[in-house]
Amino acid sequence: MSQERVRVVPLTFPRANECVTLWHRHHSALPSGFAWFCLGAVVNEKLCAAAICGRPTNRNNDDGQTIEVLRLAGDGTANVCSALYGAAKRVAKEMGAARIITYTLDEESGSSLMGAGWNREKDNIKSWWMHDGSRTAAVDRPHMKATKVRWGVDLREAAIYSLPDPNTIVAGYMQLEGMDL
C-alpha cells in the first residue's frame, strides 16, 4: 500500500486553533499575541494536522531570533506531524530565525521530531506552573505538572544588529510629512 502525499499549506490562526481544539491531547487553543505563522498538512484533500509557530513562551528563549512551535496537533494520519515540523523548520530559516524549538511531555516519544531532523536538547524540564510562587492556572490541567523535553534545531548564527536611532526615524518622518506623495 502506498503512502498518500502530504501537502503543507498556510493556515489562518483561527483555523489552526480550531484544529488544536479538535485534536490536541492536552492543550487548548492558543491565545492571540504569540503566533507568527500557521501551517496545515493536507492528505487526500483533507486537513489532517495544524501547527502554530511564533514567539517563545519562555522569556529565556525570547531573543527575537528564536521561533517556537507552540502547538502541533493532528488527527492521527501518518507522517503529517513530521511534515509540519520539517516545514516549520524551513519557514523559520527563511524568515531569518537562528533557532527553532518546541517542547513535548517526557512521556511522548518525539518520533515526529526525530523524523524531521530535530535534536533532543534537554530532558526533565519543570513547567513554570510547578515553581513556587503566586502563579495559578486559570484552568488546572494534569500536563502542567508533568516534566517536558525541549527539542531544537540551530538554523544559522544569530544576527548581531543595533536598532535605529529614534531621532533619525522622527526626522525622516518629518521630512516625508511635508512631501506631496
N, C-alpha and C. Protein backbone atom coordinates (compact mmCIF):
# COMPACT_ATOMS: atom_id res chain seq x y z
N MET A 1 0.85 -1.18 0.00
CA MET A 1 0.00 0.00 0.00
C MET A 1 0.89 1.24 0.00
N SER A 2 0.62 2.18 -0.88
CA SER A 2 1.45 3.38 -0.97
C SER A 2 0.95 4.46 -0.01
N GLN A 3 1.90 5.22 0.49
CA GLN A 3 1.58 6.32 1.40
C GLN A 3 1.10 7.52 0.59
N GLU A 4 0.00 8.11 1.01
CA GLU A 4 -0.51 9.30 0.33
C GLU A 4 0.42 10.48 0.56
N ARG A 5 0.50 11.37 -0.39
CA ARG A 5 1.36 12.55 -0.32
C ARG A 5 0.81 13.55 0.70
N VAL A 6 1.70 14.06 1.54
CA VAL A 6 1.34 15.11 2.50
C VAL A 6 1.69 16.44 1.87
N ARG A 7 0.72 17.33 1.79
CA ARG A 7 0.95 18.68 1.28
C ARG A 7 0.88 19.65 2.45
N VAL A 8 1.83 20.56 2.52
CA VAL A 8 1.82 21.59 3.57
C VAL A 8 1.23 22.85 2.97
N VAL A 9 0.29 23.45 3.72
CA VAL A 9 -0.40 24.66 3.27
C VAL A 9 -0.39 25.70 4.38
N PRO A 10 -0.50 26.99 4.02
CA PRO A 10 -0.65 28.01 5.06
C PRO A 10 -2.05 27.94 5.66
N LEU A 11 -2.16 28.25 6.93
CA LEU A 11 -3.45 28.32 7.61
C LEU A 11 -3.59 29.65 8.32
N THR A 12 -4.81 30.09 8.48
CA THR A 12 -5.05 31.25 9.33
C THR A 12 -4.93 30.82 10.79
N PHE A 13 -4.67 31.76 11.65
CA PHE A 13 -4.57 31.46 13.08
C PHE A 13 -5.89 30.89 13.62
N PRO A 14 -7.05 31.47 13.29
CA PRO A 14 -8.30 30.88 13.80
C PRO A 14 -8.51 29.43 13.32
N ARG A 15 -8.19 29.14 12.07
CA ARG A 15 -8.37 27.77 11.55
C ARG A 15 -7.42 26.81 12.26
N ALA A 16 -6.16 27.23 12.47
CA ALA A 16 -5.20 26.38 13.18
C ALA A 16 -5.66 26.12 14.60
N ASN A 17 -6.20 27.15 15.25
CA ASN A 17 -6.72 26.98 16.61
C ASN A 17 -7.90 26.02 16.66
N GLU A 18 -8.74 26.03 15.63
CA GLU A 18 -9.85 25.06 15.55
C GLU A 18 -9.30 23.63 15.56
N CYS A 19 -8.23 23.42 14.80
CA CYS A 19 -7.61 22.09 14.73
C CYS A 19 -7.03 21.70 16.09
N VAL A 20 -6.37 22.63 16.75
CA VAL A 20 -5.81 22.36 18.08
C VAL A 20 -6.93 21.96 19.03
N THR A 21 -8.03 22.69 19.00
CA THR A 21 -9.17 22.39 19.87
C THR A 21 -9.71 20.98 19.59
N LEU A 22 -9.75 20.60 18.33
CA LEU A 22 -10.26 19.27 17.96
C LEU A 22 -9.32 18.13 18.31
N TRP A 23 -8.01 18.33 18.07
CA TRP A 23 -7.10 17.18 18.06
C TRP A 23 -6.03 17.14 19.14
N HIS A 24 -5.70 18.25 19.77
CA HIS A 24 -4.56 18.21 20.69
C HIS A 24 -4.91 17.41 21.94
N ARG A 25 -3.95 16.58 22.38
CA ARG A 25 -4.21 15.68 23.51
C ARG A 25 -4.33 16.41 24.85
N HIS A 26 -3.65 17.54 25.01
CA HIS A 26 -3.71 18.20 26.32
C HIS A 26 -3.72 19.72 26.27
N HIS A 27 -3.50 20.34 25.13
CA HIS A 27 -3.53 21.80 25.07
C HIS A 27 -4.84 22.29 24.48
N SER A 28 -5.22 23.47 24.91
CA SER A 28 -6.38 24.13 24.31
C SER A 28 -5.89 25.11 23.25
N ALA A 29 -6.79 25.84 22.66
CA ALA A 29 -6.44 26.84 21.65
C ALA A 29 -5.45 27.85 22.25
N LEU A 30 -4.62 28.40 21.40
CA LEU A 30 -3.61 29.36 21.83
C LEU A 30 -4.20 30.77 21.82
N PRO A 31 -4.00 31.54 22.88
CA PRO A 31 -4.47 32.93 22.85
C PRO A 31 -3.67 33.74 21.83
N SER A 32 -4.25 34.82 21.36
CA SER A 32 -3.56 35.65 20.38
C SER A 32 -2.36 36.35 21.02
N GLY A 33 -1.45 36.80 20.16
CA GLY A 33 -0.31 37.56 20.64
C GLY A 33 1.01 36.86 20.46
N PHE A 34 1.01 35.53 20.39
CA PHE A 34 2.26 34.79 20.24
C PHE A 34 2.47 34.26 18.83
N ALA A 35 1.40 34.00 18.08
CA ALA A 35 1.51 33.33 16.77
C ALA A 35 2.10 34.25 15.71
N TRP A 36 3.05 33.72 14.94
CA TRP A 36 3.64 34.43 13.81
C TRP A 36 3.25 33.80 12.49
N PHE A 37 3.14 32.47 12.46
CA PHE A 37 2.66 31.80 11.25
C PHE A 37 2.06 30.45 11.62
N CYS A 38 1.15 29.98 10.76
CA CYS A 38 0.47 28.71 10.97
C CYS A 38 0.53 27.89 9.69
N LEU A 39 0.67 26.59 9.86
CA LEU A 39 0.76 25.66 8.73
C LEU A 39 -0.22 24.52 8.93
N GLY A 40 -0.67 23.96 7.81
CA GLY A 40 -1.53 22.79 7.87
C GLY A 40 -0.97 21.69 7.00
N ALA A 41 -1.35 20.45 7.30
CA ALA A 41 -0.97 19.30 6.49
C ALA A 41 -2.23 18.72 5.89
N VAL A 42 -2.21 18.55 4.57
CA VAL A 42 -3.36 18.05 3.83
C VAL A 42 -2.99 16.72 3.18
N VAL A 43 -3.87 15.73 3.35
CA VAL A 43 -3.73 14.43 2.69
C VAL A 43 -5.08 14.10 2.05
N ASN A 44 -5.06 13.76 0.78
CA ASN A 44 -6.30 13.44 0.05
C ASN A 44 -7.35 14.54 0.19
N GLU A 45 -6.90 15.79 0.06
CA GLU A 45 -7.77 16.96 0.10
C GLU A 45 -8.46 17.15 1.46
N LYS A 46 -7.87 16.58 2.52
CA LYS A 46 -8.42 16.71 3.87
C LYS A 46 -7.34 17.29 4.80
N LEU A 47 -7.70 18.32 5.54
CA LEU A 47 -6.79 18.90 6.52
C LEU A 47 -6.66 17.92 7.68
N CYS A 48 -5.43 17.47 7.92
CA CYS A 48 -5.18 16.41 8.91
C CYS A 48 -4.36 16.87 10.11
N ALA A 49 -3.71 18.02 10.03
CA ALA A 49 -2.88 18.50 11.13
C ALA A 49 -2.64 19.99 10.97
N ALA A 50 -2.29 20.62 12.09
CA ALA A 50 -2.01 22.06 12.09
C ALA A 50 -0.88 22.36 13.06
N ALA A 51 -0.10 23.37 12.72
CA ALA A 51 0.98 23.85 13.59
C ALA A 51 0.85 25.36 13.74
N ILE A 52 1.06 25.83 14.96
CA ILE A 52 1.08 27.26 15.25
C ILE A 52 2.48 27.59 15.75
N CYS A 53 3.15 28.50 15.08
CA CYS A 53 4.53 28.84 15.39
C CYS A 53 4.63 30.32 15.71
N GLY A 54 5.54 30.67 16.61
CA GLY A 54 5.69 32.08 16.92
C GLY A 54 6.68 32.36 18.02
N ARG A 55 6.34 33.37 18.77
CA ARG A 55 7.21 33.88 19.82
C ARG A 55 7.31 32.89 20.98
N PRO A 56 8.53 32.57 21.41
CA PRO A 56 8.68 31.62 22.52
C PRO A 56 7.99 32.10 23.79
N THR A 57 7.37 31.16 24.48
CA THR A 57 6.65 31.49 25.70
C THR A 57 7.59 31.68 26.89
N ASN A 58 8.75 31.04 26.87
CA ASN A 58 9.73 31.19 27.95
C ASN A 58 10.60 32.40 27.65
N ARG A 59 10.65 33.34 28.56
CA ARG A 59 11.40 34.58 28.32
C ARG A 59 12.88 34.33 28.07
N ASN A 60 13.41 33.21 28.56
CA ASN A 60 14.82 32.90 28.33
C ASN A 60 15.11 32.54 26.88
N ASN A 61 14.09 32.14 26.15
CA ASN A 61 14.25 31.81 24.73
C ASN A 61 13.76 32.93 23.81
N ASP A 62 13.14 33.94 24.37
CA ASP A 62 12.54 35.02 23.59
C ASP A 62 13.59 36.08 23.26
N ASP A 63 14.47 35.74 22.32
CA ASP A 63 15.58 36.61 21.96
C ASP A 63 15.36 37.34 20.64
N GLY A 64 14.18 37.20 20.06
CA GLY A 64 13.89 37.86 18.80
C GLY A 64 14.34 37.08 17.57
N GLN A 65 15.13 36.00 17.78
CA GLN A 65 15.63 35.21 16.65
C GLN A 65 15.33 33.72 16.83
N THR A 66 14.53 33.40 17.83
CA THR A 66 14.11 32.02 18.05
C THR A 66 12.61 31.93 17.83
N ILE A 67 12.20 30.90 17.11
CA ILE A 67 10.78 30.63 16.86
C ILE A 67 10.44 29.33 17.58
N GLU A 68 9.27 29.30 18.19
CA GLU A 68 8.81 28.10 18.87
C GLU A 68 7.58 27.54 18.17
N VAL A 69 7.55 26.22 17.99
CA VAL A 69 6.32 25.57 17.57
C VAL A 69 5.49 25.47 18.86
N LEU A 70 4.47 26.32 18.94
CA LEU A 70 3.69 26.46 20.17
C LEU A 70 2.61 25.40 20.29
N ARG A 71 2.06 24.99 19.18
CA ARG A 71 1.04 23.94 19.15
C ARG A 71 1.22 23.15 17.86
N LEU A 72 1.08 21.84 17.95
CA LEU A 72 1.02 21.00 16.77
C LEU A 72 0.06 19.87 17.11
N ALA A 73 -0.96 19.71 16.28
CA ALA A 73 -1.99 18.70 16.55
C ALA A 73 -2.43 18.07 15.24
N GLY A 74 -2.69 16.78 15.29
CA GLY A 74 -3.13 16.06 14.10
C GLY A 74 -4.21 15.05 14.43
N ASP A 75 -4.83 14.53 13.38
CA ASP A 75 -5.93 13.57 13.56
C ASP A 75 -5.45 12.13 13.56
N GLY A 76 -4.16 11.89 13.56
CA GLY A 76 -3.63 10.53 13.58
C GLY A 76 -3.14 10.05 12.23
N THR A 77 -3.32 10.83 11.19
CA THR A 77 -2.83 10.45 9.86
C THR A 77 -1.30 10.34 9.89
N ALA A 78 -0.78 9.29 9.29
CA ALA A 78 0.66 9.02 9.30
C ALA A 78 1.44 10.15 8.65
N ASN A 79 2.56 10.49 9.26
CA ASN A 79 3.59 11.40 8.74
C ASN A 79 3.22 12.88 8.69
N VAL A 80 2.01 13.27 9.07
CA VAL A 80 1.65 14.69 8.96
C VAL A 80 2.38 15.54 9.99
N CYS A 81 2.60 15.01 11.19
CA CYS A 81 3.30 15.80 12.21
C CYS A 81 4.76 16.02 11.82
N SER A 82 5.42 14.97 11.33
CA SER A 82 6.81 15.13 10.85
C SER A 82 6.88 16.13 9.71
N ALA A 83 5.90 16.07 8.81
CA ALA A 83 5.88 17.00 7.68
C ALA A 83 5.77 18.45 8.18
N LEU A 84 4.94 18.67 9.19
CA LEU A 84 4.77 20.04 9.71
C LEU A 84 6.01 20.50 10.48
N TYR A 85 6.63 19.62 11.26
CA TYR A 85 7.86 20.01 11.95
C TYR A 85 8.96 20.37 10.95
N GLY A 86 9.05 19.61 9.88
CA GLY A 86 10.04 19.91 8.84
C GLY A 86 9.74 21.22 8.13
N ALA A 87 8.46 21.44 7.82
CA ALA A 87 8.07 22.68 7.14
C ALA A 87 8.28 23.89 8.05
N ALA A 88 7.94 23.76 9.33
CA ALA A 88 8.13 24.87 10.28
C ALA A 88 9.60 25.24 10.36
N LYS A 89 10.46 24.24 10.35
CA LYS A 89 11.91 24.48 10.39
C LYS A 89 12.35 25.25 9.15
N ARG A 90 11.86 24.87 7.99
CA ARG A 90 12.24 25.56 6.74
C ARG A 90 11.71 26.99 6.71
N VAL A 91 10.47 27.19 7.12
CA VAL A 91 9.88 28.54 7.13
C VAL A 91 10.65 29.43 8.11
N ALA A 92 10.95 28.91 9.30
CA ALA A 92 11.70 29.69 10.29
C ALA A 92 13.05 30.12 9.73
N LYS A 93 13.73 29.21 9.04
CA LYS A 93 15.03 29.56 8.45
C LYS A 93 14.87 30.65 7.40
N GLU A 94 13.85 30.53 6.55
CA GLU A 94 13.61 31.55 5.51
C GLU A 94 13.24 32.90 6.12
N MET A 95 12.61 32.89 7.29
CA MET A 95 12.27 34.14 7.98
C MET A 95 13.50 34.80 8.60
N GLY A 96 14.60 34.07 8.66
CA GLY A 96 15.82 34.61 9.25
C GLY A 96 16.07 34.19 10.68
N ALA A 97 15.28 33.27 11.19
CA ALA A 97 15.46 32.81 12.57
C ALA A 97 16.78 32.08 12.73
N ALA A 98 17.36 32.20 13.90
CA ALA A 98 18.60 31.50 14.21
C ALA A 98 18.30 30.11 14.77
N ARG A 99 17.16 29.96 15.45
CA ARG A 99 16.79 28.69 16.10
C ARG A 99 15.30 28.46 16.00
N ILE A 100 14.93 27.19 16.10
CA ILE A 100 13.53 26.83 16.27
C ILE A 100 13.48 25.77 17.37
N ILE A 101 12.49 25.88 18.25
CA ILE A 101 12.36 24.97 19.38
C ILE A 101 10.92 24.54 19.55
N THR A 102 10.73 23.49 20.33
CA THR A 102 9.41 23.08 20.77
C THR A 102 9.59 22.20 22.00
N TYR A 103 8.49 21.87 22.64
CA TYR A 103 8.52 21.03 23.84
C TYR A 103 7.53 19.89 23.68
N THR A 104 7.89 18.71 24.24
CA THR A 104 6.96 17.61 24.36
C THR A 104 6.95 17.18 25.82
N LEU A 105 5.96 16.42 26.20
CA LEU A 105 5.97 15.83 27.53
C LEU A 105 7.02 14.72 27.56
N ASP A 106 7.63 14.49 28.72
CA ASP A 106 8.63 13.43 28.84
C ASP A 106 8.10 12.10 28.36
N GLU A 107 6.82 11.84 28.58
CA GLU A 107 6.23 10.55 28.22
C GLU A 107 6.01 10.37 26.72
N GLU A 108 6.13 11.46 25.93
CA GLU A 108 5.95 11.38 24.48
C GLU A 108 7.27 11.01 23.82
N SER A 109 7.21 10.22 22.77
CA SER A 109 8.43 9.68 22.15
C SER A 109 9.23 10.71 21.36
N GLY A 110 8.57 11.68 20.75
CA GLY A 110 9.27 12.64 19.91
C GLY A 110 9.64 12.07 18.55
N SER A 111 9.02 10.96 18.14
CA SER A 111 9.38 10.32 16.87
C SER A 111 9.13 11.24 15.68
N SER A 112 8.08 12.06 15.73
CA SER A 112 7.83 13.00 14.62
C SER A 112 8.95 14.03 14.52
N LEU A 113 9.45 14.47 15.66
CA LEU A 113 10.55 15.44 15.67
C LEU A 113 11.84 14.81 15.17
N MET A 114 12.13 13.60 15.63
CA MET A 114 13.33 12.92 15.15
C MET A 114 13.24 12.69 13.64
N GLY A 115 12.05 12.33 13.16
CA GLY A 115 11.85 12.10 11.74
C GLY A 115 12.07 13.35 10.91
N ALA A 116 11.86 14.52 11.52
CA ALA A 116 12.03 15.80 10.82
C ALA A 116 13.41 16.41 11.06
N GLY A 117 14.30 15.68 11.75
CA GLY A 117 15.67 16.15 11.93
C GLY A 117 15.89 17.08 13.10
N TRP A 118 15.01 17.07 14.09
CA TRP A 118 15.18 17.89 15.28
C TRP A 118 16.06 17.15 16.29
N ASN A 119 16.66 17.90 17.20
CA ASN A 119 17.55 17.35 18.23
C ASN A 119 16.92 17.46 19.60
N ARG A 120 17.04 16.39 20.36
CA ARG A 120 16.58 16.39 21.76
C ARG A 120 17.64 17.14 22.56
N GLU A 121 17.26 18.30 23.12
CA GLU A 121 18.24 19.18 23.76
C GLU A 121 18.29 19.06 25.28
N LYS A 122 17.14 18.92 25.92
CA LYS A 122 17.13 18.91 27.37
C LYS A 122 15.92 18.13 27.87
N ASP A 123 16.15 17.28 28.87
CA ASP A 123 15.09 16.47 29.45
C ASP A 123 14.70 16.98 30.84
N ASN A 124 13.58 16.49 31.33
CA ASN A 124 13.11 16.74 32.70
C ASN A 124 12.97 18.22 33.04
N ILE A 125 12.45 18.99 32.11
CA ILE A 125 12.22 20.42 32.35
C ILE A 125 10.92 20.57 33.13
N LYS A 126 10.99 21.29 34.22
CA LYS A 126 9.78 21.56 35.00
C LYS A 126 9.05 22.74 34.40
N SER A 127 7.76 22.61 34.28
CA SER A 127 6.94 23.71 33.80
C SER A 127 6.96 24.83 34.83
N TRP A 128 6.83 26.06 34.36
CA TRP A 128 6.82 27.18 35.30
C TRP A 128 5.60 27.11 36.21
N TRP A 129 4.60 26.33 35.83
CA TRP A 129 3.43 26.15 36.71
C TRP A 129 3.82 25.40 37.97
N MET A 130 4.95 24.66 37.95
CA MET A 130 5.36 23.85 39.09
C MET A 130 6.24 24.61 40.06
N HIS A 131 6.74 25.76 39.67
CA HIS A 131 7.65 26.51 40.53
C HIS A 131 6.87 27.21 41.64
N ASP A 132 7.54 27.42 42.76
CA ASP A 132 6.92 28.14 43.87
C ASP A 132 6.61 29.57 43.46
N GLY A 133 5.58 30.12 44.01
CA GLY A 133 5.21 31.49 43.70
C GLY A 133 3.71 31.65 43.66
N SER A 134 3.28 32.74 43.11
CA SER A 134 1.85 33.07 43.13
C SER A 134 1.15 32.72 41.82
N ARG A 135 1.83 32.04 40.91
CA ARG A 135 1.19 31.71 39.64
C ARG A 135 0.12 30.64 39.84
N THR A 136 -1.05 30.93 39.36
CA THR A 136 -2.16 29.98 39.44
C THR A 136 -2.79 29.88 38.07
N ALA A 137 -2.92 28.67 37.58
CA ALA A 137 -3.51 28.47 36.27
C ALA A 137 -5.00 28.79 36.31
N ALA A 138 -5.50 29.40 35.25
CA ALA A 138 -6.93 29.66 35.15
C ALA A 138 -7.69 28.34 35.14
N VAL A 139 -7.15 27.37 34.42
CA VAL A 139 -7.70 26.01 34.39
C VAL A 139 -6.55 25.07 34.66
N ASP A 140 -6.61 24.36 35.78
CA ASP A 140 -5.54 23.43 36.13
C ASP A 140 -5.65 22.19 35.24
N ARG A 141 -4.57 21.84 34.55
CA ARG A 141 -4.56 20.67 33.67
C ARG A 141 -3.42 19.75 34.11
N PRO A 142 -3.62 18.44 34.03
CA PRO A 142 -2.59 17.49 34.50
C PRO A 142 -1.23 17.69 33.85
N HIS A 143 -1.19 18.04 32.56
CA HIS A 143 0.11 18.18 31.89
C HIS A 143 0.96 19.30 32.47
N MET A 144 0.35 20.22 33.21
CA MET A 144 1.12 21.34 33.77
C MET A 144 2.09 20.86 34.85
N LYS A 145 1.81 19.72 35.44
CA LYS A 145 2.69 19.18 36.48
C LYS A 145 3.69 18.17 35.92
N ALA A 146 3.58 17.84 34.64
CA ALA A 146 4.49 16.87 34.01
C ALA A 146 5.78 17.55 33.57
N THR A 147 6.86 16.78 33.56
CA THR A 147 8.12 17.33 33.06
C THR A 147 8.13 17.25 31.54
N LYS A 148 8.96 18.10 30.94
CA LYS A 148 8.97 18.28 29.50
C LYS A 148 10.37 18.01 28.92
N VAL A 149 10.40 17.87 27.60
CA VAL A 149 11.64 17.74 26.83
C VAL A 149 11.68 18.90 25.85
N ARG A 150 12.83 19.59 25.77
CA ARG A 150 12.99 20.63 24.75
C ARG A 150 13.71 20.04 23.55
N TRP A 151 13.15 20.32 22.38
CA TRP A 151 13.71 19.91 21.10
C TRP A 151 14.09 21.18 20.36
N GLY A 152 15.14 21.13 19.54
CA GLY A 152 15.52 22.32 18.80
C GLY A 152 16.39 22.02 17.59
N VAL A 153 16.52 23.04 16.77
CA VAL A 153 17.41 23.00 15.61
C VAL A 153 18.07 24.36 15.50
N ASP A 154 19.39 24.37 15.44
CA ASP A 154 20.13 25.60 15.15
C ASP A 154 20.10 25.78 13.64
N LEU A 155 19.57 26.91 13.18
CA LEU A 155 19.38 27.17 11.76
C LEU A 155 20.51 27.99 11.15
N ARG A 156 21.07 28.90 11.92
CA ARG A 156 22.17 29.77 11.45
C ARG A 156 22.68 30.55 12.65
N GLU A 157 23.77 31.27 12.45
CA GLU A 157 24.27 32.13 13.53
C GLU A 157 23.30 33.28 13.73
N ALA A 158 23.11 33.64 14.98
CA ALA A 158 22.24 34.78 15.28
C ALA A 158 22.83 36.05 14.69
N ALA A 159 21.99 36.88 14.13
CA ALA A 159 22.43 38.16 13.57
C ALA A 159 22.68 39.15 14.71
N ILE A 160 23.72 39.91 14.57
CA ILE A 160 24.02 40.97 15.53
C ILE A 160 23.67 42.28 14.86
N TYR A 161 22.85 43.07 15.51
CA TYR A 161 22.43 44.34 14.90
C TYR A 161 22.05 45.34 15.99
N SER A 162 22.07 46.60 15.59
CA SER A 162 21.63 47.66 16.51
C SER A 162 20.31 48.21 15.99
N LEU A 163 19.56 48.78 16.87
CA LEU A 163 18.29 49.39 16.50
C LEU A 163 18.52 50.78 15.94
N PRO A 164 17.65 51.24 15.05
CA PRO A 164 17.81 52.59 14.51
C PRO A 164 17.63 53.64 15.61
N ASP A 165 18.29 54.75 15.43
CA ASP A 165 18.17 55.87 16.36
C ASP A 165 16.78 56.47 16.22
N PRO A 166 16.00 56.54 17.31
CA PRO A 166 14.64 57.08 17.24
C PRO A 166 14.60 58.50 16.69
N ASN A 167 15.63 59.30 16.95
CA ASN A 167 15.66 60.68 16.44
C ASN A 167 15.76 60.70 14.93
N THR A 168 16.49 59.75 14.35
CA THR A 168 16.60 59.65 12.90
C THR A 168 15.26 59.29 12.28
N ILE A 169 14.54 58.38 12.94
CA ILE A 169 13.23 57.96 12.44
C ILE A 169 12.26 59.14 12.45
N VAL A 170 12.23 59.90 13.54
CA VAL A 170 11.34 61.06 13.65
C VAL A 170 11.70 62.11 12.62
N ALA A 171 12.99 62.37 12.46
CA ALA A 171 13.42 63.37 11.47
C ALA A 171 13.03 62.93 10.07
N GLY A 172 13.20 61.66 9.75
CA GLY A 172 12.82 61.14 8.44
C GLY A 172 11.33 61.24 8.21
N TYR A 173 10.54 60.98 9.23
CA TYR A 173 9.09 61.08 9.13
C TYR A 173 8.68 62.54 8.89
N MET A 174 9.33 63.47 9.60
CA MET A 174 9.01 64.89 9.45
C MET A 174 9.31 65.35 8.03
N GLN A 175 10.37 64.84 7.43
CA GLN A 175 10.70 65.20 6.05
C GLN A 175 9.63 64.67 5.10
N LEU A 176 9.17 63.44 5.33
CA LEU A 176 8.14 62.85 4.48
C LEU A 176 6.80 63.58 4.63
N GLU A 177 6.53 64.07 5.81
CA GLU A 177 5.25 64.71 6.11
C GLU A 177 5.00 65.91 5.20
N GLY A 178 6.07 66.64 4.87
CA GLY A 178 5.91 67.83 4.02
C GLY A 178 5.87 67.52 2.54
N MET A 179 6.14 66.25 2.15
CA MET A 179 6.16 65.89 0.74
C MET A 179 4.77 65.61 0.22
N ASP A 180 4.55 65.88 -1.04
CA ASP A 180 3.27 65.58 -1.68
C ASP A 180 3.38 64.20 -2.30
N LEU A 181 2.92 63.18 -1.55
CA LEU A 181 3.04 61.79 -2.04
C LEU A 181 1.84 61.37 -2.80
